[in-house]
C-alpha atoms as a PDB file:
ATOM      1  CA  MET A   1      -9.524   6.142  -4.591  1.00  0.00           C
ATOM      2  CA  ALA A   2      -8.288   2.628  -5.264  1.00  0.00           C
ATOM      3  CA  ASP A   3      -9.300  -0.589  -3.563  1.00  0.00           C
ATOM      4  CA  MET A   4      -6.153  -2.358  -2.398  1.00  0.00           C
ATOM      5  CA  ASN A   5      -7.484  -5.678  -3.674  1.00  0.00           C
ATOM      6  CA  ARG A   6      -8.019  -4.395  -7.228  1.00  0.00           C
ATOM      7  CA  ALA A   7      -5.200  -1.851  -7.250  1.00  0.00           C
ATOM      8  CA  THR A   8      -1.973  -2.092  -9.215  1.00  0.00           C
ATOM      9  CA  VAL A   9       1.643  -1.074  -8.832  1.00  0.00           C
ATOM     10  CA  SER A  10       4.197  -0.326 -11.518  1.00  0.00           C
ATOM     11  CA  ALA A  11       6.323  -3.193 -12.776  1.00  0.00           C
ATOM     12  CA  GLY A  12       9.358  -1.087 -11.870  1.00  0.00           C
ATOM     13  CA  TYR A  13       8.190  -1.081  -8.251  1.00  0.00           C
ATOM     14  CA  VAL A  14       7.849  -4.872  -8.281  1.00  0.00           C
ATOM     15  CA  GLY A  15      11.097  -5.302 -10.178  1.00  0.00           C
ATOM     16  CA  ASN A  16      12.976  -3.394  -7.500  1.00  0.00           C
ATOM     17  CA  LEU A  17      11.713  -5.828  -4.861  1.00  0.00           C
ATOM     18  CA  PHE A  18      12.556  -8.790  -7.096  1.00  0.00           C
ATOM     19  CA  GLN A  19      16.114  -7.573  -7.688  1.00  0.00           C
ATOM     20  CA  PHE A  20      16.706  -6.835  -4.013  1.00  0.00           C
ATOM     21  CA  ALA A  21      15.357 -10.195  -2.863  1.00  0.00           C
ATOM     22  CA  THR A  22      17.334 -12.238  -5.380  1.00  0.00           C
ATOM     23  CA  ALA A  23      20.490 -10.304  -4.469  1.00  0.00           C
ATOM     24  CA  ASN A  24      19.857 -11.371  -0.876  1.00  0.00           C
ATOM     25  CA  GLY A  25      19.482 -15.066  -1.527  1.00  0.00           C
ATOM     26  CA  ALA A  26      15.951 -15.617  -2.814  1.00  0.00           C
ATOM     27  CA  ASP A  27      15.590 -18.032  -5.721  1.00  0.00           C
ATOM     28  CA  ALA A  28      14.380 -16.052  -8.742  1.00  0.00           C
ATOM     29  CA  ALA A  29      12.097 -18.740 -10.171  1.00  0.00           C
ATOM     30  CA  GLY A  30      10.586 -19.506  -6.775  1.00  0.00           C
ATOM     31  CA  LEU A  31       9.965 -15.841  -6.042  1.00  0.00           C
ATOM     32  CA  LEU A  32       8.197 -15.295  -9.364  1.00  0.00           C
ATOM     33  CA  ALA A  33       6.131 -18.424  -8.849  1.00  0.00           C
ATOM     34  CA  ALA A  34       5.078 -17.295  -5.371  1.00  0.00           C
ATOM     35  CA  ALA A  35       3.842 -14.023  -6.864  1.00  0.00           C
ATOM     36  CA  GLY A  36       2.239 -15.663  -9.898  1.00  0.00           C
ATOM     37  CA  LEU A  37       4.368 -13.598 -12.282  1.00  0.00           C
ATOM     38  CA  SER A  38       6.655 -14.206 -15.232  1.00  0.00           C
ATOM     39  CA  ALA A  39       9.991 -12.480 -15.705  1.00  0.00           C
ATOM     40  CA  GLU A  40       8.570 -10.800 -18.815  1.00  0.00           C
ATOM     41  CA  ALA A  41       5.913  -9.080 -16.704  1.00  0.00           C
ATOM     42  CA  LEU A  42       8.690  -6.962 -15.170  1.00  0.00           C
ATOM     43  CA  ASP A  43      10.400  -5.936 -18.408  1.00  0.00           C
ATOM     44  CA  ASP A  44       8.529  -2.644 -18.868  1.00  0.00           C
ATOM     45  CA  PRO A  45       8.818  -0.537 -15.680  1.00  0.00           C
ATOM     46  CA  ASP A  46       5.657   1.402 -16.613  1.00  0.00           C
ATOM     47  CA  ALA A  47       3.524  -1.733 -16.983  1.00  0.00           C
ATOM     48  CA  ARG A  48       0.968  -2.517 -14.280  1.00  0.00           C
ATOM     49  CA  VAL A  49       1.069  -5.451 -11.869  1.00  0.00           C
ATOM     50  CA  PRO A  50      -1.758  -6.307  -9.453  1.00  0.00           C
ATOM     51  CA  MET A  51      -1.042  -5.090  -5.932  1.00  0.00           C
ATOM     52  CA  ALA A  52      -1.952  -8.535  -4.641  1.00  0.00           C
ATOM     53  CA  ARG A  53       0.974 -10.032  -6.563  1.00  0.00           C
ATOM     54  CA  TYR A  54       3.325  -7.405  -5.144  1.00  0.00           C
ATOM     55  CA  ARG A  55       2.153  -8.250  -1.624  1.00  0.00           C
ATOM     56  CA  ALA A  56       2.661 -11.944  -2.327  1.00  0.00           C
ATOM     57  CA  MET A  57       6.184 -11.327  -3.587  1.00  0.00           C
ATOM     58  CA  MET A  58       6.992  -9.154  -0.571  1.00  0.00           C
ATOM     59  CA  ARG A  59       5.988 -11.835   1.892  1.00  0.00           C
ATOM     60  CA  ALA A  60       7.684 -14.577  -0.094  1.00  0.00           C
ATOM     61  CA  ALA A  61      10.850 -12.461  -0.180  1.00  0.00           C
ATOM     62  CA  GLN A  62      10.776 -12.013   3.596  1.00  0.00           C
ATOM     63  CA  GLN A  63      10.555 -15.768   4.057  1.00  0.00           C
ATOM     64  CA  ARG A  64      13.007 -16.829   1.353  1.00  0.00           C
ATOM     65  CA  CYS A  65      15.634 -14.290   2.435  1.00  0.00           C
ATOM     66  CA  ASP A  66      14.989 -15.148   6.099  1.00  0.00           C
ATOM     67  CA  MET A  67      14.686 -11.401   6.622  1.00  0.00           C
ATOM     68  CA  PRO A  68      11.348 -10.323   8.143  1.00  0.00           C
ATOM     69  CA  TRP A  69      12.647  -6.742   8.240  1.00  0.00           C
ATOM     70  CA  LEU A  70      13.301  -6.820   4.476  1.00  0.00           C
ATOM     71  CA  PRO A  71      10.901  -3.897   3.742  1.00  0.00           C
ATOM     72  CA  LEU A  72      13.085  -1.576   5.797  1.00  0.00           C
ATOM     73  CA  GLU A  73      16.223  -2.640   3.967  1.00  0.00           C
ATOM     74  CA  LEU A  74      14.413  -2.480   0.631  1.00  0.00           C
ATOM     75  CA  GLY A  75      13.363   1.129   1.184  1.00  0.00           C
ATOM     76  CA  ALA A  76      16.879   2.085   2.200  1.00  0.00           C
ATOM     77  CA  SER A  77      18.566   0.359  -0.726  1.00  0.00           C
ATOM     78  CA  ARG A  78      17.852   2.461  -3.841  1.00  0.00           C
ATOM     79  CA  ASP A  79      16.770   5.902  -4.962  1.00  0.00           C
ATOM     80  CA  PHE A  80      13.146   6.355  -5.973  1.00  0.00           C
ATOM     81  CA  ARG A  81      14.299   7.698  -9.352  1.00  0.00           C
ATOM     82  CA  ASP A  82      15.825   4.297 -10.135  1.00  0.00           C
ATOM     83  CA  ILE A  83      12.464   2.626  -9.564  1.00  0.00           C
ATOM     84  CA  SER A  84       9.745   4.827 -11.016  1.00  0.00           C
ATOM     85  CA  ILE A  85       9.100   7.690 -13.399  1.00  0.00           C
ATOM     86  CA  VAL A  86       7.566   9.394 -10.361  1.00  0.00           C
ATOM     87  CA  GLY A  87      10.993   9.464  -8.749  1.00  0.00           C
ATOM     88  CA  LEU A  88      12.534  10.964 -11.867  1.00  0.00           C
ATOM     89  CA  ILE A  89       9.919  13.732 -11.833  1.00  0.00           C
ATOM     90  CA  CYS A  90      10.580  14.447  -8.167  1.00  0.00           C
ATOM     91  CA  TYR A  91      14.311  14.774  -8.764  1.00  0.00           C
ATOM     92  CA  ALA A  92      13.682  17.220 -11.616  1.00  0.00           C
ATOM     93  CA  ALA A  93      11.859  19.592  -9.234  1.00  0.00           C
ATOM     94  CA  PRO A  94      13.734  22.581  -7.734  1.00  0.00           C
ATOM     95  CA  THR A  95      13.120  21.857  -4.028  1.00  0.00           C
ATOM     96  CA  MET A  96      12.003  19.070  -1.722  1.00  0.00           C
ATOM     97  CA  GLY A  97       8.713  20.863  -1.108  1.00  0.00           C
ATOM     98  CA  GLU A  98       7.953  20.981  -4.830  1.00  0.00           C
ATOM     99  CA  ALA A  99       9.115  17.390  -5.207  1.00  0.00           C
ATOM    100  CA  LEU A 100       6.576  16.394  -2.541  1.00  0.00           C
ATOM    101  CA  ASN A 101       3.848  18.144  -4.534  1.00  0.00           C
ATOM    102  CA  GLU A 102       4.837  16.201  -7.662  1.00  0.00           C
ATOM    103  CA  LEU A 103       4.968  12.972  -5.679  1.00  0.00           C
ATOM    104  CA  ASN A 104       1.382  13.504  -4.558  1.00  0.00           C
ATOM    105  CA  ARG A 105       0.359  14.374  -8.103  1.00  0.00           C
ATOM    106  CA  TYR A 106       1.730  11.199  -9.658  1.00  0.00           C
ATOM    107  CA  VAL A 107       2.079   8.734  -6.777  1.00  0.00           C
ATOM    108  CA  ARG A 108      -0.653   6.476  -8.260  1.00  0.00           C
ATOM    109  CA  LEU A 109       1.766   5.555 -11.025  1.00  0.00           C
ATOM    110  CA  ALA A 110       4.063   3.942  -8.470  1.00  0.00           C
ATOM    111  CA  ALA A 111       1.363   2.324  -6.359  1.00  0.00           C
ATOM    112  CA  GLU A 112      -2.397   2.703  -6.231  1.00  0.00           C
ATOM    113  CA  VAL A 113      -3.792   2.924  -2.713  1.00  0.00           C
ATOM    114  CA  SER A 114      -7.167   3.782  -1.220  1.00  0.00           C
ATOM    115  CA  LEU A 115      -7.385   7.290   0.246  1.00  0.00           C
ATOM    116  CA  PRO A 116     -10.056   8.757   2.549  1.00  0.00           C
ATOM    117  CA  GLY A 117     -10.973  11.574   0.149  1.00  0.00           C
ATOM    118  CA  ARG A 118      -9.631  13.601  -2.727  1.00  0.00           C
ATOM    119  CA  GLY A 119      -6.706  15.095  -0.830  1.00  0.00           C
ATOM    120  CA  PRO A 120      -3.055  14.145  -1.339  1.00  0.00           C
ATOM    121  CA  ARG A 121      -1.675  10.894  -0.025  1.00  0.00           C
ATOM    122  CA  PHE A 122       1.219  12.516   1.848  1.00  0.00           C
ATOM    123  CA  GLN A 123      -0.130  15.430   3.881  1.00  0.00           C
ATOM    124  CA  LEU A 124       1.723  17.943   6.028  1.00  0.00           C
ATOM    125  CA  VAL A 125       0.090  18.459   9.415  1.00  0.00           C
ATOM    126  CA  THR A 126       1.095  20.680  12.340  1.00  0.00           C
ATOM    127  CA  HIS A 127       0.535  18.833  15.597  1.00  0.00           C
ATOM    128  CA  ASP A 128       1.975  19.326  19.096  1.00  0.00           C
ATOM    129  CA  SER A 129       4.074  22.235  17.808  1.00  0.00           C
ATOM    130  CA  GLY A 130       5.727  19.988  15.251  1.00  0.00           C
ATOM    131  CA  LEU A 131       5.406  19.372  11.512  1.00  0.00           C
ATOM    132  CA  TRP A 132       4.359  15.891  10.478  1.00  0.00           C
ATOM    133  CA  MET A 133       4.196  14.153   7.118  1.00  0.00           C
ATOM    134  CA  VAL A 134       1.253  11.761   7.232  1.00  0.00           C
ATOM    135  CA  ASP A 135       0.603   8.838   4.898  1.00  0.00           C
ATOM    136  CA  THR A 136      -3.186   8.877   4.619  1.00  0.00           C
ATOM    137  CA  ARG A 137      -3.680   5.575   2.789  1.00  0.00           C
ATOM    138  CA  GLN A 138      -6.537   3.552   4.195  1.00  0.00           C
ATOM    139  CA  ASP A 139      -6.312   0.120   5.761  1.00  0.00           C
ATOM    140  CA  PRO A 140      -2.509   0.223   6.227  1.00  0.00           C
ATOM    141  CA  GLY A 141      -2.746  -2.718   8.631  1.00  0.00           C
ATOM    142  CA  SER A 142      -3.429  -5.122   5.777  1.00  0.00           C
ATOM    143  CA  PHE A 143      -0.002  -4.366   4.294  1.00  0.00           C
ATOM    144  CA  PRO A 144       2.233  -2.656   6.893  1.00  0.00           C
ATOM    145  CA  GLU A 145       5.307  -3.607   4.894  1.00  0.00           C
ATOM    146  CA  MET A 146       4.407  -0.806   2.472  1.00  0.00           C
ATOM    147  CA  THR A 147       4.572   1.754   5.267  1.00  0.00           C
ATOM    148  CA  GLU A 148       7.885   0.350   6.467  1.00  0.00           C
ATOM    149  CA  SER A 149       9.523   0.534   3.044  1.00  0.00           C
ATOM    150  CA  THR A 150       8.015   3.967   2.309  1.00  0.00           C
ATOM    151  CA  TRP A 151       9.277   5.666   5.479  1.00  0.00           C
ATOM    152  CA  SER A 152      12.629   3.925   5.108  1.00  0.00           C
ATOM    153  CA  ARG A 153      12.988   5.263   1.560  1.00  0.00           C
ATOM    154  CA  PHE A 154      12.075   8.824   2.595  1.00  0.00           C
ATOM    155  CA  ILE A 155      14.552   8.850   5.470  1.00  0.00           C
ATOM    156  CA  CYS A 156      17.478   6.913   4.009  1.00  0.00           C
ATOM    157  CA  GLU A 157      17.379   8.527   0.573  1.00  0.00           C
ATOM    158  CA  THR A 158      17.473  12.004   2.105  1.00  0.00           C
ATOM    159  CA  ALA A 159      20.366  11.004   4.366  1.00  0.00           C
ATOM    160  CA  ARG A 160      22.248   9.527   1.403  1.00  0.00           C
ATOM    161  CA  HIS A 161      22.090  12.677  -0.717  1.00  0.00           C
ATOM    162  CA  PHE A 162      21.894  15.372   1.952  1.00  0.00           C
ATOM    163  CA  PRO A 163      23.852  14.027   4.924  1.00  0.00           C
ATOM    164  CA  GLU A 164      24.055  17.454   6.574  1.00  0.00           C
ATOM    165  CA  ALA A 165      20.315  18.134   6.304  1.00  0.00           C
ATOM    166  CA  THR A 166      17.876  17.547   9.143  1.00  0.00           C
ATOM    167  CA  PHE A 167      14.826  15.623   8.029  1.00  0.00           C
ATOM    168  CA  ALA A 168      13.028  13.052  10.169  1.00  0.00           C
ATOM    169  CA  ARG A 169      12.935  13.434  13.941  1.00  0.00           C
ATOM    170  CA  ALA A 170      10.551  10.569  14.722  1.00  0.00           C
ATOM    171  CA  ALA A 171       8.631   7.825  12.913  1.00  0.00           C
ATOM    172  CA  HIS A 172       5.167   6.530  13.799  1.00  0.00           C
ATOM    173  CA  PHE A 173       3.532   3.299  12.643  1.00  0.00           C
ATOM    174  CA  THR A 174      -0.052   2.220  13.231  1.00  0.00           C
ATOM    175  CA  HIS A 175       0.789  -1.476  13.361  1.00  0.00           C
ATOM    176  CA  PRO A 176       2.007  -3.236  16.530  1.00  0.00           C
ATOM    177  CA  ARG A 177       5.713  -3.639  17.185  1.00  0.00           C
ATOM    178  CA  PRO A 178       6.770  -6.730  15.200  1.00  0.00           C
ATOM    179  CA  ALA A 179       9.260  -9.319  16.369  1.00  0.00           C
ATOM    180  CA  TYR A 180      11.929  -7.517  14.324  1.00  0.00           C
ATOM    181  CA  GLY A 181      11.188  -4.180  16.024  1.00  0.00           C
ATOM    182  CA  ASP A 182      14.837  -3.597  16.979  1.00  0.00           C
ATOM    183  CA  HIS A 183      15.707  -3.138  13.298  1.00  0.00           C
ATOM    184  CA  PHE A 184      13.551  -0.021  12.905  1.00  0.00           C
ATOM    185  CA  GLU A 185      15.745   2.388  14.839  1.00  0.00           C
ATOM    186  CA  ARG A 186      18.853   0.723  13.403  1.00  0.00           C
ATOM    187  CA  VAL A 187      17.747   1.485   9.836  1.00  0.00           C
ATOM    188  CA  LEU A 188      15.764   4.679  10.347  1.00  0.00           C
ATOM    189  CA  LYS A 189      18.015   6.191  13.041  1.00  0.00           C
ATOM    190  CA  VAL A 190      15.125   8.036  14.684  1.00  0.00           C
ATOM    191  CA  PRO A 191      12.856   7.219  17.642  1.00  0.00           C
ATOM    192  CA  VAL A 192      10.050   4.877  16.567  1.00  0.00           C
ATOM    193  CA  THR A 193       6.515   4.581  17.950  1.00  0.00           C
ATOM    194  CA  PHE A 194       4.287   1.584  17.185  1.00  0.00           C
ATOM    195  CA  ASP A 195       0.521   1.270  17.687  1.00  0.00           C
ATOM    196  CA  SER A 196       0.249   4.953  16.821  1.00  0.00           C
ATOM    197  CA  HIS A 197      -2.957   6.632  15.640  1.00  0.00           C
ATOM    198  CA  TRP A 198      -1.241   7.471  12.345  1.00  0.00           C
ATOM    199  CA  ASN A 199       1.578   6.547   9.976  1.00  0.00           C
ATOM    200  CA  ALA A 200       3.653   9.682  10.097  1.00  0.00           C
ATOM    201  CA  LEU A 201       7.121  11.189  10.181  1.00  0.00           C
ATOM    202  CA  ARG A 202       7.868  14.200  12.330  1.00  0.00           C
ATOM    203  CA  ILE A 203      10.024  16.329  10.046  1.00  0.00           C
ATOM    204  CA  ASP A 204      12.113  19.469  10.236  1.00  0.00           C
ATOM    205  CA  PRO A 205      10.435  22.259   8.208  1.00  0.00           C
ATOM    206  CA  SER A 206      13.796  23.127   6.649  1.00  0.00           C
ATOM    207  CA  TRP A 207      13.576  19.877   4.644  1.00  0.00           C
ATOM    208  CA  LEU A 208      10.971  21.461   2.391  1.00  0.00           C
ATOM    209  CA  THR A 209      13.394  24.168   1.254  1.00  0.00           C
ATOM    210  CA  ILE A 210      16.309  21.871   0.389  1.00  0.00           C
ATOM    211  CA  GLU A 211      17.380  22.575  -3.184  1.00  0.00           C
ATOM    212  CA  LEU A 212      17.679  19.458  -5.295  1.00  0.00           C
ATOM    213  CA  HIS A 213      20.766  18.837  -7.396  1.00  0.00           C
ATOM    214  CA  GLN A 214      20.588  20.131 -10.975  1.00  0.00           C
ATOM    215  CA  PRO A 215      16.819  20.429 -11.519  1.00  0.00           C
ATOM    216  CA  ASN A 216      16.049  20.316 -15.233  1.00  0.00           C
ATOM    217  CA  ARG A 217      12.849  21.989 -16.449  1.00  0.00           C
ATOM    218  CA  TYR A 218      13.098  20.449 -19.924  1.00  0.00           C
ATOM    219  CA  VAL A 219      13.430  16.947 -18.525  1.00  0.00           C
ATOM    220  CA  PHE A 220      10.670  17.775 -16.061  1.00  0.00           C
ATOM    221  CA  GLY A 221       8.325  18.705 -18.913  1.00  0.00           C
ATOM    222  CA  VAL A 222       9.099  15.582 -20.917  1.00  0.00           C
ATOM    223  CA  LEU A 223       8.602  13.339 -17.907  1.00  0.00           C
ATOM    224  CA  THR A 224       5.358  14.951 -16.770  1.00  0.00           C
ATOM    225  CA  ARG A 225       3.838  14.663 -20.248  1.00  0.00           C
ATOM    226  CA  HIS A 226       4.635  10.960 -20.259  1.00  0.00           C
ATOM    227  CA  ALA A 227       3.352  10.581 -16.685  1.00  0.00           C
ATOM    228  CA  ASP A 228       0.111  12.387 -17.570  1.00  0.00           C
ATOM    229  CA  SER A 229      -0.514   9.929 -20.400  1.00  0.00           C
ATOM    230  CA  LEU A 230       0.106   7.017 -18.013  1.00  0.00           C
ATOM    231  CA  LEU A 231      -2.322   8.513 -15.490  1.00  0.00           C
ATOM    232  CA  ASP A 232      -4.966   8.923 -18.178  1.00  0.00           C
ATOM    233  CA  ALA A 233      -4.587   5.265 -19.118  1.00  0.00           C
ATOM    234  CA  LEU A 234      -4.862   4.262 -15.464  1.00  0.00           C
ATOM    235  CA  ARG A 235      -8.034   6.299 -14.948  1.00  0.00           C
ATOM    236  CA  SER A 236      -9.621   4.880 -18.091  1.00  0.00           C
ATOM    237  CA  GLY A 237      -9.280   1.409 -16.614  1.00  0.00           C
ATOM    238  CA  GLU A 238     -11.307   2.259 -13.507  1.00  0.00           C
ATOM    239  CA  THR A 239     -14.571   0.374 -13.107  1.00  0.00           C
ATOM    240  CA  VAL A 240     -17.771   1.127 -11.227  1.00  0.00           C
ATOM    241  CA  ARG A 241     -17.125  -2.041  -9.248  1.00  0.00           C
ATOM    242  CA  GLY A 242     -13.731  -0.706  -8.204  1.00  0.00           C
ATOM    243  CA  ARG A 243     -15.259   2.624  -7.151  1.00  0.00           C
ATOM    244  CA  VAL A 244     -17.888   0.818  -5.076  1.00  0.00           C
ATOM    245  CA  GLU A 245     -15.301  -1.374  -3.364  1.00  0.00           C
ATOM    246  CA  ALA A 246     -13.154   1.654  -2.576  1.00  0.00           C
ATOM    247  CA  ALA A 247     -16.176   3.378  -0.999  1.00  0.00           C
ATOM    248  CA  VAL A 248     -17.192   0.300   0.987  1.00  0.00           C
ATOM    249  CA  LEU A 249     -13.782  -0.741   2.295  1.00  0.00           C
ATOM    250  CA  PRO A 250     -13.463   1.966   5.017  1.00  0.00           C
ATOM    251  CA  ILE A 251     -16.925   1.123   6.415  1.00  0.00           C
ATOM    252  CA  LEU A 252     -16.935  -2.626   5.898  1.00  0.00           C
ATOM    253  CA  HIS A 253     -16.487  -3.274   9.621  1.00  0.00           C
ATOM    254  CA  ARG A 254     -19.799  -1.521  10.400  1.00  0.00           C
ATOM    255  CA  GLY A 255     -21.904  -4.346   8.993  1.00  0.00           C
ATOM    256  CA  GLU A 256     -24.079  -4.429   5.910  1.00  0.00           C
ATOM    257  CA  PRO A 257     -23.253  -1.498   3.567  1.00  0.00           C
ATOM    258  CA  ASP A 258     -26.343   0.232   2.239  1.00  0.00           C
ATOM    259  CA  MET A 259     -26.549   0.384  -1.552  1.00  0.00           C
ATOM    260  CA  THR A 260     -28.450   3.674  -1.529  1.00  0.00           C
ATOM    261  CA  SER A 261     -25.824   5.363   0.657  1.00  0.00           C
ATOM    262  CA  ILE A 262     -22.965   4.033  -1.444  1.00  0.00           C
ATOM    263  CA  ALA A 263     -24.668   5.198  -4.636  1.00  0.00           C
ATOM    264  CA  SER A 264     -25.085   8.661  -3.127  1.00  0.00           C
ATOM    265  CA  ALA A 265     -21.398   8.748  -2.109  1.00  0.00           C
ATOM    266  CA  LEU A 266     -20.496   8.052  -5.742  1.00  0.00           C
ATOM    267  CA  GLY A 267     -22.854  10.748  -7.037  1.00  0.00           C
ATOM    268  CA  LEU A 268     -25.301   8.184  -8.462  1.00  0.00           C
ATOM    269  CA  THR A 269     -28.855   7.073  -7.812  1.00  0.00           C
ATOM    270  CA  ARG A 270     -29.491   3.567  -6.582  1.00  0.00           C
ATOM    271  CA  PRO A 271     -31.067   2.416  -9.893  1.00  0.00           C
ATOM    272  CA  THR A 272     -28.146   3.883 -11.856  1.00  0.00           C
ATOM    273  CA  LEU A 273     -25.609   2.107  -9.672  1.00  0.00           C
ATOM    274  CA  TYR A 274     -27.580  -1.120 -10.055  1.00  0.00           C
ATOM    275  CA  ARG A 275     -27.583  -0.833 -13.854  1.00  0.00           C
ATOM    276  CA  ARG A 276     -23.898   0.042 -14.096  1.00  0.00           C
ATOM    277  CA  LEU A 277     -22.876  -2.846 -11.886  1.00  0.00           C
ATOM    278  CA  ARG A 278     -25.029  -5.233 -13.907  1.00  0.00           C
ATOM    279  CA  ALA A 279     -23.368  -3.940 -17.080  1.00  0.00           C
ATOM    280  CA  GLU A 280     -20.053  -5.051 -15.564  1.00  0.00           C
ATOM    281  CA  GLY A 281     -21.509  -8.428 -14.632  1.00  0.00           C
ATOM    282  CA  ALA A 282     -21.698  -7.686 -10.925  1.00  0.00           C
ATOM    283  CA  GLY A 283     -24.386  -7.370  -8.278  1.00  0.00           C
ATOM    284  CA  PHE A 284     -24.088  -5.264  -5.139  1.00  0.00           C
ATOM    285  CA  ASP A 285     -24.618  -8.084  -2.630  1.00  0.00           C
ATOM    286  CA  GLU A 286     -22.306 -10.401  -4.554  1.00  0.00           C
ATOM    287  CA  LEU A 287     -19.671  -7.648  -4.668  1.00  0.00           C
ATOM    288  CA  ILE A 288     -19.831  -7.140  -0.885  1.00  0.00           C
ATOM    289  CA  ASP A 289     -19.586 -10.884  -0.275  1.00  0.00           C
ATOM    290  CA  GLN A 290     -16.522 -11.181  -2.516  1.00  0.00           C
ATOM    291  CA  LEU A 291     -14.916  -8.129  -0.931  1.00  0.00           C
ATOM    292  CA  ARG A 292     -15.403  -9.649   2.523  1.00  0.00           C
ATOM    293  CA  ARG A 293     -13.868 -12.894   1.294  1.00  0.00           C
ATOM    294  CA  ARG A 294     -10.776 -11.173  -0.122  1.00  0.00           C
ATOM    295  CA  MET A 295     -10.297  -8.974   2.925  1.00  0.00           C
ATOM    296  CA  ALA A 296     -10.767 -11.880   5.333  1.00  0.00           C
ATOM    297  CA  MET A 297      -8.116 -13.925   3.571  1.00  0.00           C
ATOM    298  CA  GLU A 298      -5.817 -10.898   3.480  1.00  0.00           C
ATOM    299  CA  TYR A 299      -6.147 -10.243   7.233  1.00  0.00           C
ATOM    300  CA  LEU A 300      -5.682 -13.887   8.139  1.00  0.00           C
ATOM    301  CA  SER A 301      -2.794 -14.467   5.716  1.00  0.00           C
ATOM    302  CA  GLY A 302      -0.970 -11.458   7.168  1.00  0.00           C
ATOM    303  CA  GLY A 303      -0.805 -13.290  10.488  1.00  0.00           C
ATOM    304  CA  ARG A 304      -1.651 -10.051  12.273  1.00  0.00           C
ATOM    305  CA  ALA A 305      -5.329 -10.563  13.126  1.00  0.00           C
ATOM    306  CA  SER A 306      -7.121 -13.328  14.973  1.00  0.00           C
ATOM    307  CA  VAL A 307     -10.235 -14.988  13.616  1.00  0.00           C
ATOM    308  CA  ASN A 308     -12.435 -12.921  15.933  1.00  0.00           C
ATOM    309  CA  GLU A 309     -10.681  -9.678  14.942  1.00  0.00           C
ATOM    310  CA  THR A 310     -11.008 -10.546  11.272  1.00  0.00           C
ATOM    311  CA  ALA A 311     -14.701 -11.245  11.715  1.00  0.00           C
ATOM    312  CA  TYR A 312     -15.160  -7.733  13.107  1.00  0.00           C
ATOM    313  CA  LEU A 313     -12.999  -6.077  10.450  1.00  0.00           C
ATOM    314  CA  VAL A 314     -15.044  -7.542   7.600  1.00  0.00           C
ATOM    315  CA  GLY A 315     -18.404  -6.712   9.165  1.00  0.00           C
ATOM    316  CA  PHE A 316     -19.606  -9.772  11.096  1.00  0.00           C
ATOM    317  CA  SER A 317     -21.026  -9.118  14.560  1.00  0.00           C
ATOM    318  CA  GLU A 318     -20.733 -12.797  15.520  1.00  0.00           C
ATOM    319  CA  PRO A 319     -17.614 -14.930  14.957  1.00  0.00           C
ATOM    320  CA  SER A 320     -19.858 -17.932  14.341  1.00  0.00           C
ATOM    321  CA  ALA A 321     -21.511 -16.174  11.392  1.00  0.00           C
ATOM    322  CA  PHE A 322     -18.074 -15.321  10.012  1.00  0.00           C
ATOM    323  CA  SER A 323     -16.936 -18.933  10.355  1.00  0.00           C
ATOM    324  CA  ARG A 324     -19.990 -20.138   8.434  1.00  0.00           C
ATOM    325  CA  ALA A 325     -19.356 -17.608   5.661  1.00  0.00           C
ATOM    326  CA  PHE A 326     -15.662 -18.511   5.512  1.00  0.00           C
ATOM    327  CA  LYS A 327     -16.478 -22.202   5.160  1.00  0.00           C
ATOM    328  CA  ARG A 328     -18.890 -21.332   2.345  1.00  0.00           C
ATOM    329  CA  TRP A 329     -16.102 -19.370   0.625  1.00  0.00           C
ATOM    330  CA  THR A 330     -13.268 -21.861   1.057  1.00  0.00           C
ATOM    331  CA  GLY A 331     -14.708 -25.165   2.255  1.00  0.00           C
ATOM    332  CA  LEU A 332     -12.626 -24.799   5.440  1.00  0.00           C
ATOM    333  CA  SER A 333     -12.966 -23.152   8.825  1.00  0.00           C
ATOM    334  CA  PRO A 334     -10.770 -20.063   9.317  1.00  0.00           C
ATOM    335  CA  GLY A 335      -8.454 -21.986  11.628  1.00  0.00           C
ATOM    336  CA  ALA A 336      -8.094 -24.902   9.227  1.00  0.00           C
ATOM    337  CA  TRP A 337      -7.463 -22.519   6.339  1.00  0.00           C
ATOM    338  CA  LYS A 338      -4.706 -20.750   8.294  1.00  0.00           C
ATOM    339  CA  ALA A 339      -3.122 -24.089   9.145  1.00  0.00           C
ATOM    340  CA  ARG A 340      -3.202 -25.173   5.493  1.00  0.00           C
ATOM    341  CA  GLN A 341      -1.530 -21.885   4.499  1.00  0.00           C
ATOM    342  CA  GLY A 342       1.209 -22.489   7.052  1.00  0.00           C
ATOM    343  CA  ILE A 343       0.238 -19.392   9.058  1.00  0.00           C
ATOM    344  CA  ARG A 344       1.214 -19.454  12.708  1.00  0.00           C
ATOM    345  CA  THR A 345      -1.756 -19.166  15.033  1.00  0.00           C
ATOM    346  CA  ASP A 346       0.355 -17.659  17.821  1.00  0.00           C
ATOM    347  CA  ALA A 347       1.013 -14.481  15.797  1.00  0.00           C
ATOM    348  CA  VAL A 348      -0.266 -11.124  16.982  1.00  0.00           C
ATOM    349  CA  GLY A 349      -3.959 -11.537  17.692  1.00  0.00           C
ATOM    350  CA  GLY A 350      -3.597 -15.384  17.401  1.00  0.00           C
END
């Protein structure tokens, strides 16, 4: 699992957003500055970029292009194979079903996300006599734009290459209907449900058997060997701190995480976890405090959660206790911090 606040995405993934935004009116230098990146950071598509910088660029692009629905258009704009080695591997598979398996195998190379267990990110589930593809990434509400661009890419890319095929029949999103909600059905061309219990596409089972154009087993082998080496490098960079944060994130709203329980979830004893964190220059309580700080700023900066909702999401039972902690973190109250960031207080959840 990967903690969204320490996770990375491929430079190719970020570069695709950068190219799309600048083609739609965003100033290149301003966009890079907003994300804290240099142009050179995007030169190698296999290089890693912090997820936080990708999120920052996404939101800057929406503002600078005056296009809040930009994630939908971004997903519809280009093939996955033009963005990531993962897309190239998928296109070298014989069928859509096998391509989905390869996507789940290598999807971390495109974007690291936190998952609820060791299962695949994109799972097929039969529900209400229908087949659904479910994106199981955790905490999707902190970055709903990722869900929007992901489902748009799945749907529009299939329609572009297989116009006669039946794929998506409905799209579900866990986040509330945004102000640009009318654009969803325009781009996706399927019925859309917001405030759903899952991020999912209802799909036609025949999609899994679609034969891809000119699958190449030699190319597939070359690509997978390269992808395996990239995955190995990504795994080697994992830290105990990152593993702890990934384990804590789904339960952060419950209050004070218990170090013994977290150690057990990671297959460690409490003393071992303590020693390994200290070796990385971290303490458990300090880690939790910093995680709360990052998540609080993420929820508030998204403009989708009120101060009271954010307090609950990061584990404070009393808004007053959250406000005191936030002032300790930033020197400002949550409301003053939002105002300084230029975040509207009349957004969803105020």
